[in-house]
Amino acid sequence: MSFTRKALQFTSPEYVMGSEKIPALNASASRSKNGMVFISLVNLDTKKSQKLETALAGVSWKSVSGLTLTSPKFNAYNKFDKPNTVKLASFSGAKKRGDKLAVELSPQSVVVLELKEQE
């Protein structure tokens, strides 16, 4: 399956559960008022890591950093007496490869990347 969302283009494998099929990867990109570029990525596959590589049309950047949501189980949640069951952690699975963004997402993961623009 191929997707185009303004400057973000990628191909996603299918995630199959029973007779249902959906794209395993979902992504969106946004630019803040001050020019920062953020990319949100979700890997819906509960068992397989997924790789995504994309060129970002119209975006000049030199480095990437990210955060991911982590928890011991996919259905975990925070409670008043356990507020850090689901928490943010540093994400290091994204790299600049030439003019492309290359990302490896763990199974059932949610990641937000921040691209640092050229100076």
PDB file of N, CA and C in Angstrom:
ATOM      1  N   MET A   1       0.840  -1.173   0.000  1.00  0.00           N
ATOM      2  CA  MET A   1       0.000   0.000   0.000  1.00  0.00           C
ATOM      3  C   MET A   1       0.882   1.231   0.000  1.00  0.00           C
ATOM      4  N   SER A   2       0.624   2.180  -0.873  1.00  0.00           N
ATOM      5  CA  SER A   2       1.380   3.424  -0.921  1.00  0.00           C
ATOM      6  C   SER A   2       0.517   4.579  -0.446  1.00  0.00           C
ATOM      7  N   PHE A   3       1.144   5.545   0.210  1.00  0.00           N
ATOM      8  CA  PHE A   3       0.428   6.678   0.756  1.00  0.00           C
ATOM      9  C   PHE A   3       1.173   7.961   0.424  1.00  0.00           C
ATOM     10  N   THR A   4       0.447   9.026   0.199  1.00  0.00           N
ATOM     11  CA  THR A   4       1.036  10.343   0.012  1.00  0.00           C
ATOM     12  C   THR A   4       0.303  11.317   0.907  1.00  0.00           C
ATOM     13  N   ARG A   5       1.039  11.973   1.749  1.00  0.00           N
ATOM     14  CA  ARG A   5       0.477  13.006   2.611  1.00  0.00           C
ATOM     15  C   ARG A   5       1.398  14.205   2.508  1.00  0.00           C
ATOM     16  N   LYS A   6       1.054  15.092   1.604  1.00  0.00           N
ATOM     17  CA  LYS A   6       1.849  16.292   1.335  1.00  0.00           C
ATOM     18  C   LYS A   6       3.305  15.897   1.106  1.00  0.00           C
ATOM     19  N   ALA A   7       4.213  16.168   2.040  1.00  0.00           N
ATOM     20  CA  ALA A   7       5.634  15.896   1.846  1.00  0.00           C
ATOM     21  C   ALA A   7       6.034  14.496   2.292  1.00  0.00           C
ATOM     22  N   LEU A   8       5.119  13.722   2.812  1.00  0.00           N
ATOM     23  CA  LEU A   8       5.447  12.417   3.381  1.00  0.00           C
ATOM     24  C   LEU A   8       4.895  11.296   2.506  1.00  0.00           C
ATOM     25  N   GLN A   9       5.788  10.529   1.892  1.00  0.00           N
ATOM     26  CA  GLN A   9       5.375   9.406   1.048  1.00  0.00           C
ATOM     27  C   GLN A   9       6.048   8.144   1.564  1.00  0.00           C
ATOM     28  N   PHE A  10       5.280   7.063   1.673  1.00  0.00           N
ATOM     29  CA  PHE A  10       5.851   5.806   2.142  1.00  0.00           C
ATOM     30  C   PHE A  10       4.983   4.644   1.681  1.00  0.00           C
ATOM     31  N   THR A  11       5.559   3.455   1.766  1.00  0.00           N
ATOM     32  CA  THR A  11       4.834   2.229   1.442  1.00  0.00           C
ATOM     33  C   THR A  11       4.699   1.432   2.731  1.00  0.00           C
ATOM     34  N   SER A  12       3.501   0.938   2.995  1.00  0.00           N
ATOM     35  CA  SER A  12       3.249   0.190   4.219  1.00  0.00           C
ATOM     36  C   SER A  12       2.860  -1.246   3.888  1.00  0.00           C
ATOM     37  N   PRO A  13       3.442  -2.212   4.614  1.00  0.00           N
ATOM     38  CA  PRO A  13       2.928  -3.571   4.496  1.00  0.00           C
ATOM     39  C   PRO A  13       1.549  -3.640   5.145  1.00  0.00           C
ATOM     40  N   GLU A  14       0.841  -4.719   4.897  1.00  0.00           N
ATOM     41  CA  GLU A  14      -0.477  -4.887   5.515  1.00  0.00           C
ATOM     42  C   GLU A  14      -0.342  -5.611   6.849  1.00  0.00           C
ATOM     43  N   TYR A  15      -1.183  -5.222   7.781  1.00  0.00           N
ATOM     44  CA  TYR A  15      -1.321  -5.947   9.041  1.00  0.00           C
ATOM     45  C   TYR A  15      -2.610  -6.741   8.913  1.00  0.00           C
ATOM     46  N   VAL A  16      -2.506  -8.047   9.079  1.00  0.00           N
ATOM     47  CA  VAL A  16      -3.652  -8.927   8.887  1.00  0.00           C
ATOM     48  C   VAL A  16      -4.028  -9.549  10.222  1.00  0.00           C
ATOM     49  N   MET A  17      -5.324  -9.448  10.547  1.00  0.00           N
ATOM     50  CA  MET A  17      -5.854 -10.095  11.751  1.00  0.00           C
ATOM     51  C   MET A  17      -7.159 -10.758  11.337  1.00  0.00           C
ATOM     52  N   GLY A  18      -7.140 -12.072  11.298  1.00  0.00           N
ATOM     53  CA  GLY A  18      -8.308 -12.799  10.811  1.00  0.00           C
ATOM     54  C   GLY A  18      -8.517 -12.483   9.346  1.00  0.00           C
ATOM     55  N   SER A  19      -9.699 -12.017   8.995  1.00  0.00           N
ATOM     56  CA  SER A  19      -9.989 -11.672   7.600  1.00  0.00           C
ATOM     57  C   SER A  19      -9.832 -10.177   7.332  1.00  0.00           C
ATOM     58  N   GLU A  20      -9.417  -9.422   8.343  1.00  0.00           N
ATOM     59  CA  GLU A  20      -9.261  -7.973   8.208  1.00  0.00           C
ATOM     60  C   GLU A  20      -7.829  -7.614   7.821  1.00  0.00           C
ATOM     61  N   LYS A  21      -7.684  -6.611   6.947  1.00  0.00           N
ATOM     62  CA  LYS A  21      -6.379  -6.106   6.540  1.00  0.00           C
ATOM     63  C   LYS A  21      -6.389  -4.585   6.634  1.00  0.00           C
ATOM     64  N   ILE A  22      -5.353  -4.049   7.263  1.00  0.00           N
ATOM     65  CA  ILE A  22      -5.184  -2.603   7.343  1.00  0.00           C
ATOM     66  C   ILE A  22      -3.700  -2.303   7.152  1.00  0.00           C
ATOM     67  N   PRO A  23      -3.339  -1.062   6.816  1.00  0.00           N
ATOM     68  CA  PRO A  23      -1.922  -0.717   6.743  1.00  0.00           C
ATOM     69  C   PRO A  23      -1.273  -0.877   8.123  1.00  0.00           C
ATOM     70  N   ALA A  24      -0.105  -1.501   8.172  1.00  0.00           N
ATOM     71  CA  ALA A  24       0.598  -1.682   9.439  1.00  0.00           C
ATOM     72  C   ALA A  24       1.170  -0.370   9.957  1.00  0.00           C
ATOM     73  N   LEU A  25       1.513   0.527   9.031  1.00  0.00           N
ATOM     74  CA  LEU A  25       2.107   1.808   9.416  1.00  0.00           C
ATOM     75  C   LEU A  25       1.159   2.957   9.138  1.00  0.00           C
ATOM     76  N   ASN A  26       1.176   3.924  10.037  1.00  0.00           N
ATOM     77  CA  ASN A  26       0.435   5.158   9.835  1.00  0.00           C
ATOM     78  C   ASN A  26       1.390   6.295  10.178  1.00  0.00           C
ATOM     79  N   ALA A  27       1.301   7.377   9.416  1.00  0.00           N
ATOM     80  CA  ALA A  27       2.211   8.492   9.642  1.00  0.00           C
ATOM     81  C   ALA A  27       1.540   9.815   9.311  1.00  0.00           C
ATOM     82  N   SER A  28       1.985  10.855   9.986  1.00  0.00           N
ATOM     83  CA  SER A  28       1.557  12.207   9.641  1.00  0.00           C
ATOM     84  C   SER A  28       2.726  13.147   9.895  1.00  0.00           C
ATOM     85  N   ALA A  29       2.755  14.229   9.150  1.00  0.00           N
ATOM     86  CA  ALA A  29       3.809  15.230   9.314  1.00  0.00           C
ATOM     87  C   ALA A  29       3.173  16.585   9.522  1.00  0.00           C
ATOM     88  N   SER A  30       3.820  17.411  10.323  1.00  0.00           N
ATOM     89  CA  SER A  30       3.324  18.766  10.544  1.00  0.00           C
ATOM     90  C   SER A  30       4.504  19.705  10.730  1.00  0.00           C
ATOM     91  N   ARG A  31       4.250  20.982  10.465  1.00  0.00           N
ATOM     92  CA  ARG A  31       5.273  22.012  10.638  1.00  0.00           C
ATOM     93  C   ARG A  31       4.716  23.061  11.590  1.00  0.00           C
ATOM     94  N   SER A  32       5.490  23.403  12.604  1.00  0.00           N
ATOM     95  CA  SER A  32       5.053  24.410  13.571  1.00  0.00           C
ATOM     96  C   SER A  32       5.220  25.805  12.982  1.00  0.00           C
ATOM     97  N   LYS A  33       4.681  26.798  13.667  1.00  0.00           N
ATOM     98  CA  LYS A  33       4.789  28.191  13.213  1.00  0.00           C
ATOM     99  C   LYS A  33       6.242  28.636  13.089  1.00  0.00           C
ATOM    100  N   ASN A  34       7.124  28.087  13.942  1.00  0.00           N
ATOM    101  CA  ASN A  34       8.533  28.485  13.878  1.00  0.00           C
ATOM    102  C   ASN A  34       9.356  27.607  12.935  1.00  0.00           C
ATOM    103  N   GLY A  35       8.687  26.749  12.148  1.00  0.00           N
ATOM    104  CA  GLY A  35       9.363  25.969  11.116  1.00  0.00           C
ATOM    105  C   GLY A  35       9.829  24.584  11.523  1.00  0.00           C
ATOM    106  N   MET A  36       9.623  24.190  12.767  1.00  0.00           N
ATOM    107  CA  MET A  36      10.019  22.843  13.193  1.00  0.00           C
ATOM    108  C   MET A  36       9.121  21.814  12.503  1.00  0.00           C
ATOM    109  N   VAL A  37       9.711  20.686  12.095  1.00  0.00           N
ATOM    110  CA  VAL A  37       8.956  19.622  11.434  1.00  0.00           C
ATOM    111  C   VAL A  37       8.850  18.436  12.394  1.00  0.00           C
ATOM    112  N   PHE A  38       7.626  17.955  12.566  1.00  0.00           N
ATOM    113  CA  PHE A  38       7.353  16.813  13.431  1.00  0.00           C
ATOM    114  C   PHE A  38       6.705  15.712  12.607  1.00  0.00           C
ATOM    115  N   ILE A  39       7.121  14.474  12.846  1.00  0.00           N
ATOM    116  CA  ILE A  39       6.540  13.324  12.158  1.00  0.00           C
ATOM    117  C   ILE A  39       6.063  12.342  13.223  1.00  0.00           C
ATOM    118  N   SER A  40       4.791  11.995  13.161  1.00  0.00           N
ATOM    119  CA  SER A  40       4.202  11.021  14.076  1.00  0.00           C
ATOM    120  C   SER A  40       4.060   9.702  13.338  1.00  0.00           C
ATOM    121  N   LEU A  41       4.516   8.616  13.964  1.00  0.00           N
ATOM    122  CA  LEU A  41       4.488   7.294  13.344  1.00  0.00           C
ATOM    123  C   LEU A  41       3.870   6.276  14.288  1.00  0.00           C
ATOM    124  N   VAL A  42       3.099   5.355  13.724  1.00  0.00           N
ATOM    125  CA  VAL A  42       2.492   4.282  14.509  1.00  0.00           C
ATOM    126  C   VAL A  42       2.708   2.971  13.772  1.00  0.00           C
ATOM    127  N   ASN A  43       3.209   1.963  14.493  1.00  0.00           N
ATOM    128  CA  ASN A  43       3.287   0.608  13.964  1.00  0.00           C
ATOM    129  C   ASN A  43       2.189  -0.198  14.651  1.00  0.00           C
ATOM    130  N   LEU A  44       1.153  -0.550  13.900  1.00  0.00           N
ATOM    131  CA  LEU A  44       0.025  -1.287  14.467  1.00  0.00           C
ATOM    132  C   LEU A  44       0.283  -2.779  14.608  1.00  0.00           C
ATOM    133  N   ASP A  45       1.317  -3.281  13.951  1.00  0.00           N
ATOM    134  CA  ASP A  45       1.616  -4.715  14.012  1.00  0.00           C
ATOM    135  C   ASP A  45       2.067  -5.078  15.421  1.00  0.00           C
ATOM    136  N   THR A  46       1.425  -6.057  16.021  1.00  0.00           N
ATOM    137  CA  THR A  46       1.717  -6.430  17.407  1.00  0.00           C
ATOM    138  C   THR A  46       2.931  -7.344  17.538  1.00  0.00           C
ATOM    139  N   LYS A  47       3.438  -7.879  16.413  1.00  0.00           N
ATOM    140  CA  LYS A  47       4.537  -8.841  16.486  1.00  0.00           C
ATOM    141  C   LYS A  47       5.781  -8.448  15.694  1.00  0.00           C
ATOM    142  N   LYS A  48       5.637  -7.648  14.651  1.00  0.00           N
ATOM    143  CA  LYS A  48       6.762  -7.368  13.758  1.00  0.00           C
ATOM    144  C   LYS A  48       7.207  -5.910  13.830  1.00  0.00           C
ATOM    145  N   SER A  49       8.534  -5.733  13.842  1.00  0.00           N
ATOM    146  CA  SER A  49       9.092  -4.395  13.635  1.00  0.00           C
ATOM    147  C   SER A  49       8.835  -4.015  12.191  1.00  0.00           C
ATOM    148  N   GLN A  50       8.755  -2.730  11.918  1.00  0.00           N
ATOM    149  CA  GLN A  50       8.534  -2.249  10.553  1.00  0.00           C
ATOM    150  C   GLN A  50       9.571  -1.187  10.230  1.00  0.00           C
ATOM    151  N   LYS A  51      10.033  -1.204   8.981  1.00  0.00           N
ATOM    152  CA  LYS A  51      10.971  -0.186   8.512  1.00  0.00           C
ATOM    153  C   LYS A  51      10.245   0.743   7.564  1.00  0.00           C
ATOM    154  N   LEU A  52      10.568   2.020   7.672  1.00  0.00           N
ATOM    155  CA  LEU A  52       9.987   3.038   6.821  1.00  0.00           C
ATOM    156  C   LEU A  52      11.129   3.916   6.328  1.00  0.00           C
ATOM    157  N   GLU A  53      11.128   4.203   5.022  1.00  0.00           N
ATOM    158  CA  GLU A  53      12.105   5.123   4.470  1.00  0.00           C
ATOM    159  C   GLU A  53      11.377   6.077   3.556  1.00  0.00           C
ATOM    160  N   THR A  54      11.633   7.369   3.722  1.00  0.00           N
ATOM    161  CA  THR A  54      10.932   8.358   2.926  1.00  0.00           C
ATOM    162  C   THR A  54      11.796   9.592   2.692  1.00  0.00           C
ATOM    163  N   ALA A  55      11.648  10.174   1.509  1.00  0.00           N
ATOM    164  CA  ALA A  55      12.211  11.497   1.245  1.00  0.00           C
ATOM    165  C   ALA A  55      11.159  12.497   1.696  1.00  0.00           C
ATOM    166  N   LEU A  56      11.579  13.642   2.133  1.00  0.00           N
ATOM    167  CA  LEU A  56      10.654  14.649   2.633  1.00  0.00           C
ATOM    168  C   LEU A  56      10.723  15.868   1.727  1.00  0.00           C
ATOM    169  N   ALA A  57       9.830  15.921   0.760  1.00  0.00           N
ATOM    170  CA  ALA A  57       9.823  17.003  -0.227  1.00  0.00           C
ATOM    171  C   ALA A  57       9.655  18.356   0.446  1.00  0.00           C
ATOM    172  N   GLY A  58      10.530  19.297   0.103  1.00  0.00           N
ATOM    173  CA  GLY A  58      10.412  20.649   0.620  1.00  0.00           C
ATOM    174  C   GLY A  58      10.925  20.846   2.033  1.00  0.00           C
ATOM    175  N   VAL A  59      11.554  19.824   2.612  1.00  0.00           N
ATOM    176  CA  VAL A  59      12.063  19.931   3.977  1.00  0.00           C
ATOM    177  C   VAL A  59      13.578  19.825   3.945  1.00  0.00           C
ATOM    178  N   SER A  60      14.246  20.827   4.474  1.00  0.00           N
ATOM    179  CA  SER A  60      15.700  20.828   4.573  1.00  0.00           C
ATOM    180  C   SER A  60      16.042  20.558   6.041  1.00  0.00           C
ATOM    181  N   TRP A  61      16.714  19.456   6.309  1.00  0.00           N
ATOM    182  CA  TRP A  61      17.001  19.088   7.688  1.00  0.00           C
ATOM    183  C   TRP A  61      18.356  18.409   7.787  1.00  0.00           C
ATOM    184  N   LYS A  62      18.929  18.421   8.998  1.00  0.00           N
ATOM    185  CA  LYS A  62      20.241  17.813   9.164  1.00  0.00           C
ATOM    186  C   LYS A  62      20.286  16.737  10.252  1.00  0.00           C
ATOM    187  N   SER A  63      19.339  16.739  11.180  1.00  0.00           N
ATOM    188  CA  SER A  63      19.348  15.712  12.224  1.00  0.00           C
ATOM    189  C   SER A  63      17.926  15.423  12.690  1.00  0.00           C
ATOM    190  N   VAL A  64      17.781  14.307  13.403  1.00  0.00           N
ATOM    191  CA  VAL A  64      16.464  13.883  13.880  1.00  0.00           C
ATOM    192  C   VAL A  64      16.594  13.369  15.316  1.00  0.00           C
ATOM    193  N   SER A  65      15.600  13.682  16.127  1.00  0.00           N
ATOM    194  CA  SER A  65      15.501  13.131  17.473  1.00  0.00           C
ATOM    195  C   SER A  65      14.055  12.686  17.671  1.00  0.00           C
ATOM    196  N   GLY A  66      13.816  11.841  18.672  1.00  0.00           N
ATOM    197  CA  GLY A  66      12.454  11.365  18.840  1.00  0.00           C
ATOM    198  C   GLY A  66      12.140  10.859  20.232  1.00  0.00           C
ATOM    199  N   LEU A  67      10.837  10.685  20.439  1.00  0.00           N
ATOM    200  CA  LEU A  67      10.300  10.116  21.673  1.00  0.00           C
ATOM    201  C   LEU A  67       9.323   9.014  21.304  1.00  0.00           C
ATOM    202  N   THR A  68       9.226   8.017  22.167  1.00  0.00           N
ATOM    203  CA  THR A  68       8.271   6.938  21.966  1.00  0.00           C
ATOM    204  C   THR A  68       7.527   6.674  23.271  1.00  0.00           C
ATOM    205  N   LEU A  69       6.302   6.182  23.157  1.00  0.00           N
ATOM    206  CA  LEU A  69       5.552   5.744  24.331  1.00  0.00           C
ATOM    207  C   LEU A  69       5.944   4.306  24.625  1.00  0.00           C
ATOM    208  N   THR A  70       6.218   4.002  25.879  1.00  0.00           N
ATOM    209  CA  THR A  70       6.585   2.642  26.246  1.00  0.00           C
ATOM    210  C   THR A  70       5.733   2.159  27.409  1.00  0.00           C
ATOM    211  N   SER A  71       5.548   0.851  27.444  1.00  0.00           N
ATOM    212  CA  SER A  71       4.828   0.217  28.551  1.00  0.00           C
ATOM    213  C   SER A  71       5.163  -1.270  28.548  1.00  0.00           C
ATOM    214  N   PRO A  72       4.941  -1.947  29.673  1.00  0.00           N
ATOM    215  CA  PRO A  72       5.249  -3.373  29.728  1.00  0.00           C
ATOM    216  C   PRO A  72       4.297  -4.235  28.887  1.00  0.00           C
ATOM    217  N   LYS A  73       3.077  -3.777  28.661  1.00  0.00           N
ATOM    218  CA  LYS A  73       2.079  -4.508  27.883  1.00  0.00           C
ATOM    219  C   LYS A  73       1.363  -3.542  26.958  1.00  0.00           C
ATOM    220  N   PHE A  74       0.863  -4.038  25.829  1.00  0.00           N
ATOM    221  CA  PHE A  74       0.211  -3.150  24.867  1.00  0.00           C
ATOM    222  C   PHE A  74      -1.083  -2.556  25.408  1.00  0.00           C
ATOM    223  N   ASN A  75      -1.717  -3.189  26.381  1.00  0.00           N
ATOM    224  CA  ASN A  75      -2.967  -2.670  26.936  1.00  0.00           C
ATOM    225  C   ASN A  75      -2.767  -2.008  28.306  1.00  0.00           C
ATOM    226  N   ALA A  76      -1.528  -1.648  28.614  1.00  0.00           N
ATOM    227  CA  ALA A  76      -1.233  -0.988  29.892  1.00  0.00           C
ATOM    228  C   ALA A  76      -1.801   0.433  29.906  1.00  0.00           C
ATOM    229  N   TYR A  77      -2.021   0.951  31.090  1.00  0.00           N
ATOM    230  CA  TYR A  77      -2.510   2.318  31.242  1.00  0.00           C
ATOM    231  C   TYR A  77      -2.022   2.876  32.578  1.00  0.00           C
ATOM    232  N   ASN A  78      -2.037   4.186  32.687  1.00  0.00           N
ATOM    233  CA  ASN A  78      -1.627   4.851  33.917  1.00  0.00           C
ATOM    234  C   ASN A  78      -2.810   4.987  34.867  1.00  0.00           C
ATOM    235  N   LYS A  79      -2.504   4.869  36.166  1.00  0.00           N
ATOM    236  CA  LYS A  79      -3.508   5.073  37.208  1.00  0.00           C
ATOM    237  C   LYS A  79      -2.928   6.065  38.210  1.00  0.00           C
ATOM    238  N   PHE A  80      -3.778   6.604  39.076  1.00  0.00           N
ATOM    239  CA  PHE A  80      -3.297   7.553  40.062  1.00  0.00           C
ATOM    240  C   PHE A  80      -2.183   6.961  40.922  1.00  0.00           C
ATOM    241  N   ASP A  81      -2.311   5.686  41.320  1.00  0.00           N
ATOM    242  CA  ASP A  81      -1.281   5.078  42.157  1.00  0.00           C
ATOM    243  C   ASP A  81      -0.117   4.507  41.342  1.00  0.00           C
ATOM    244  N   LYS A  82      -0.222   4.470  40.010  1.00  0.00           N
ATOM    245  CA  LYS A  82       0.853   4.019  39.120  1.00  0.00           C
ATOM    246  C   LYS A  82       0.891   4.936  37.898  1.00  0.00           C
ATOM    247  N   PRO A  83       1.379   6.180  38.085  1.00  0.00           N
ATOM    248  CA  PRO A  83       1.300   7.167  37.009  1.00  0.00           C
ATOM    249  C   PRO A  83       2.330   6.985  35.890  1.00  0.00           C
ATOM    250  N   ASN A  84       3.286   6.086  36.044  1.00  0.00           N
ATOM    251  CA  ASN A  84       4.340   5.942  35.037  1.00  0.00           C
ATOM    252  C   ASN A  84       4.377   4.571  34.377  1.00  0.00           C
ATOM    253  N   THR A  85       3.252   3.894  34.317  1.00  0.00           N
ATOM    254  CA  THR A  85       3.207   2.608  33.622  1.00  0.00           C
ATOM    255  C   THR A  85       3.435   2.826  32.129  1.00  0.00           C
ATOM    256  N   VAL A  86       2.753   3.796  31.556  1.00  0.00           N
ATOM    257  CA  VAL A  86       2.973   4.208  30.170  1.00  0.00           C
ATOM    258  C   VAL A  86       3.711   5.537  30.243  1.00  0.00           C
ATOM    259  N   LYS A  87       4.898   5.594  29.620  1.00  0.00           N
ATOM    260  CA  LYS A  87       5.706   6.807  29.740  1.00  0.00           C
ATOM    261  C   LYS A  87       6.474   7.077  28.454  1.00  0.00           C
ATOM    262  N   LEU A  88       6.977   8.283  28.353  1.00  0.00           N
ATOM    263  CA  LEU A  88       7.808   8.667  27.219  1.00  0.00           C
ATOM    264  C   LEU A  88       9.239   8.212  27.450  1.00  0.00           C
ATOM    265  N   ALA A  89       9.892   7.799  26.367  1.00  0.00           N
ATOM    266  CA  ALA A  89      11.306   7.422  26.408  1.00  0.00           C
ATOM    267  C   ALA A  89      11.973   7.935  25.137  1.00  0.00           C
ATOM    268  N   SER A  90      13.261   8.110  25.211  1.00  0.00           N
ATOM    269  CA  SER A  90      14.024   8.552  24.048  1.00  0.00           C
ATOM    270  C   SER A  90      13.951   7.475  22.962  1.00  0.00           C
ATOM    271  N   PHE A  91      13.873   7.901  21.695  1.00  0.00           N
ATOM    272  CA  PHE A  91      13.800   6.985  20.554  1.00  0.00           C
ATOM    273  C   PHE A  91      15.017   7.217  19.676  1.00  0.00           C
ATOM    274  N   SER A  92      15.757   6.142  19.396  1.00  0.00           N
ATOM    275  CA  SER A  92      16.978   6.275  18.595  1.00  0.00           C
ATOM    276  C   SER A  92      16.915   5.479  17.296  1.00  0.00           C
ATOM    277  N   GLY A  93      15.743   5.075  16.868  1.00  0.00           N
ATOM    278  CA  GLY A  93      15.598   4.247  15.676  1.00  0.00           C
ATOM    279  C   GLY A  93      15.420   5.013  14.384  1.00  0.00           C
ATOM    280  N   ALA A  94      15.701   6.322  14.383  1.00  0.00           N
ATOM    281  CA  ALA A  94      15.556   7.135  13.171  1.00  0.00           C
ATOM    282  C   ALA A  94      16.907   7.733  12.801  1.00  0.00           C
ATOM    283  N   LYS A  95      17.201   7.704  11.497  1.00  0.00           N
ATOM    284  CA  LYS A  95      18.477   8.206  11.001  1.00  0.00           C
ATOM    285  C   LYS A  95      18.272   8.952   9.693  1.00  0.00           C
ATOM    286  N   LYS A  96      19.182   9.859   9.404  1.00  0.00           N
ATOM    287  CA  LYS A  96      19.219  10.498   8.090  1.00  0.00           C
ATOM    288  C   LYS A  96      20.121   9.645   7.218  1.00  0.00           C
ATOM    289  N   ARG A  97      19.590   9.190   6.097  1.00  0.00           N
ATOM    290  CA  ARG A  97      20.344   8.369   5.156  1.00  0.00           C
ATOM    291  C   ARG A  97      20.315   9.091   3.816  1.00  0.00           C
ATOM    292  N   GLY A  98      21.386   9.832   3.527  1.00  0.00           N
ATOM    293  CA  GLY A  98      21.382  10.681   2.339  1.00  0.00           C
ATOM    294  C   GLY A  98      20.371  11.794   2.541  1.00  0.00           C
ATOM    295  N   ASP A  99      19.406  11.916   1.616  1.00  0.00           N
ATOM    296  CA  ASP A  99      18.352  12.919   1.787  1.00  0.00           C
ATOM    297  C   ASP A  99      17.059  12.301   2.311  1.00  0.00           C
ATOM    298  N   LYS A 100      17.138  11.037   2.768  1.00  0.00           N
ATOM    299  CA  LYS A 100      15.940  10.329   3.236  1.00  0.00           C
ATOM    300  C   LYS A 100      15.948  10.117   4.738  1.00  0.00           C
ATOM    301  N   LEU A 101      14.754   9.961   5.276  1.00  0.00           N
ATOM    302  CA  LEU A 101      14.560   9.595   6.670  1.00  0.00           C
ATOM    303  C   LEU A 101      14.339   8.083   6.719  1.00  0.00           C
ATOM    304  N   ALA A 102      15.152   7.379   7.498  1.00  0.00           N
ATOM    305  CA  ALA A 102      15.013   5.929   7.666  1.00  0.00           C
ATOM    306  C   ALA A 102      14.663   5.650   9.125  1.00  0.00           C
ATOM    307  N   VAL A 103      13.581   4.895   9.333  1.00  0.00           N
ATOM    308  CA  VAL A 103      13.096   4.634  10.693  1.00  0.00           C
ATOM    309  C   VAL A 103      12.794   3.153  10.847  1.00  0.00           C
ATOM    310  N   GLU A 104      13.159   2.595  12.003  1.00  0.00           N
ATOM    311  CA  GLU A 104      12.734   1.238  12.351  1.00  0.00           C
ATOM    312  C   GLU A 104      11.870   1.333  13.597  1.00  0.00           C
ATOM    313  N   LEU A 105      10.631   0.882  13.453  1.00  0.00           N
ATOM    314  CA  LEU A 105       9.649   0.963  14.534  1.00  0.00           C
ATOM    315  C   LEU A 105       9.447  -0.407  15.175  1.00  0.00           C
ATOM    316  N   SER A 106       9.496  -0.453  16.485  1.00  0.00           N
ATOM    317  CA  SER A 106       9.216  -1.675  17.222  1.00  0.00           C
ATOM    318  C   SER A 106       7.756  -2.065  17.033  1.00  0.00           C
ATOM    319  N   PRO A 107       7.414  -3.327  17.297  1.00  0.00           N
ATOM    320  CA  PRO A 107       5.999  -3.716  17.231  1.00  0.00           C
ATOM    321  C   PRO A 107       5.155  -2.833  18.141  1.00  0.00           C
ATOM    322  N   GLN A 108       3.910  -2.572  17.720  1.00  0.00           N
ATOM    323  CA  GLN A 108       2.913  -1.794  18.463  1.00  0.00           C
ATOM    324  C   GLN A 108       3.507  -0.544  19.116  1.00  0.00           C
ATOM    325  N   SER A 109       4.158   0.272  18.298  1.00  0.00           N
ATOM    326  CA  SER A 109       4.816   1.458  18.847  1.00  0.00           C
ATOM    327  C   SER A 109       4.214   2.754  18.317  1.00  0.00           C
ATOM    328  N   VAL A 110       4.395   3.800  19.117  1.00  0.00           N
ATOM    329  CA  VAL A 110       3.987   5.159  18.761  1.00  0.00           C
ATOM    330  C   VAL A 110       5.222   6.035  18.958  1.00  0.00           C
ATOM    331  N   VAL A 111       5.603   6.770  17.895  1.00  0.00           N
ATOM    332  CA  VAL A 111       6.837   7.559  17.918  1.00  0.00           C
ATOM    333  C   VAL A 111       6.548   8.947  17.352  1.00  0.00           C
ATOM    334  N   VAL A 112       7.148   9.966  17.944  1.00  0.00           N
ATOM    335  CA  VAL A 112       7.111  11.319  17.393  1.00  0.00           C
ATOM    336  C   VAL A 112       8.553  11.759  17.166  1.00  0.00           C
ATOM    337  N   LEU A 113       8.858  12.151  15.922  1.00  0.00           N
ATOM    338  CA  LEU A 113      10.184  12.604  15.550  1.00  0.00           C
ATOM    339  C   LEU A 113      10.201  14.114  15.357  1.00  0.00           C
ATOM    340  N   GLU A 114      11.317  14.725  15.656  1.00  0.00           N
ATOM    341  CA  GLU A 114      11.518  16.152  15.411  1.00  0.00           C
ATOM    342  C   GLU A 114      12.727  16.280  14.490  1.00  0.00           C
ATOM    343  N   LEU A 115      12.503  16.905  13.334  1.00  0.00           N
ATOM    344  CA  LEU A 115      13.594  17.126  12.395  1.00  0.00           C
ATOM    345  C   LEU A 115      14.200  18.498  12.652  1.00  0.00           C
ATOM    346  N   LYS A 116      15.502  18.540  12.755  1.00  0.00           N
ATOM    347  CA  LYS A 116      16.207  19.797  12.972  1.00  0.00           C
ATOM    348  C   LYS A 116      16.614  20.327  11.599  1.00  0.00           C
ATOM    349  N   GLU A 117      16.217  21.545  11.299  1.00  0.00           N
ATOM    350  CA  GLU A 117      16.464  22.152   9.987  1.00  0.00           C
ATOM    351  C   GLU A 117      17.930  22.528   9.810  1.00  0.00           C
ATOM    352  N   GLN A 118      18.322  22.667   8.538  1.00  0.00           N
ATOM    353  CA  GLN A 118      19.652  23.159   8.193  1.00  0.00           C
ATOM    354  C   GLN A 118      19.757  24.594   8.692  1.00  0.00           C
ATOM    355  N   GLU A 119      20.915  24.976   9.070  1.00  0.00           N
ATOM    356  CA  GLU A 119      21.120  26.350   9.560  1.00  0.00           C
ATOM    357  C   GLU A 119      21.530  27.266   8.443  1.00  0.00           C
TER     358      GLU A 119
END
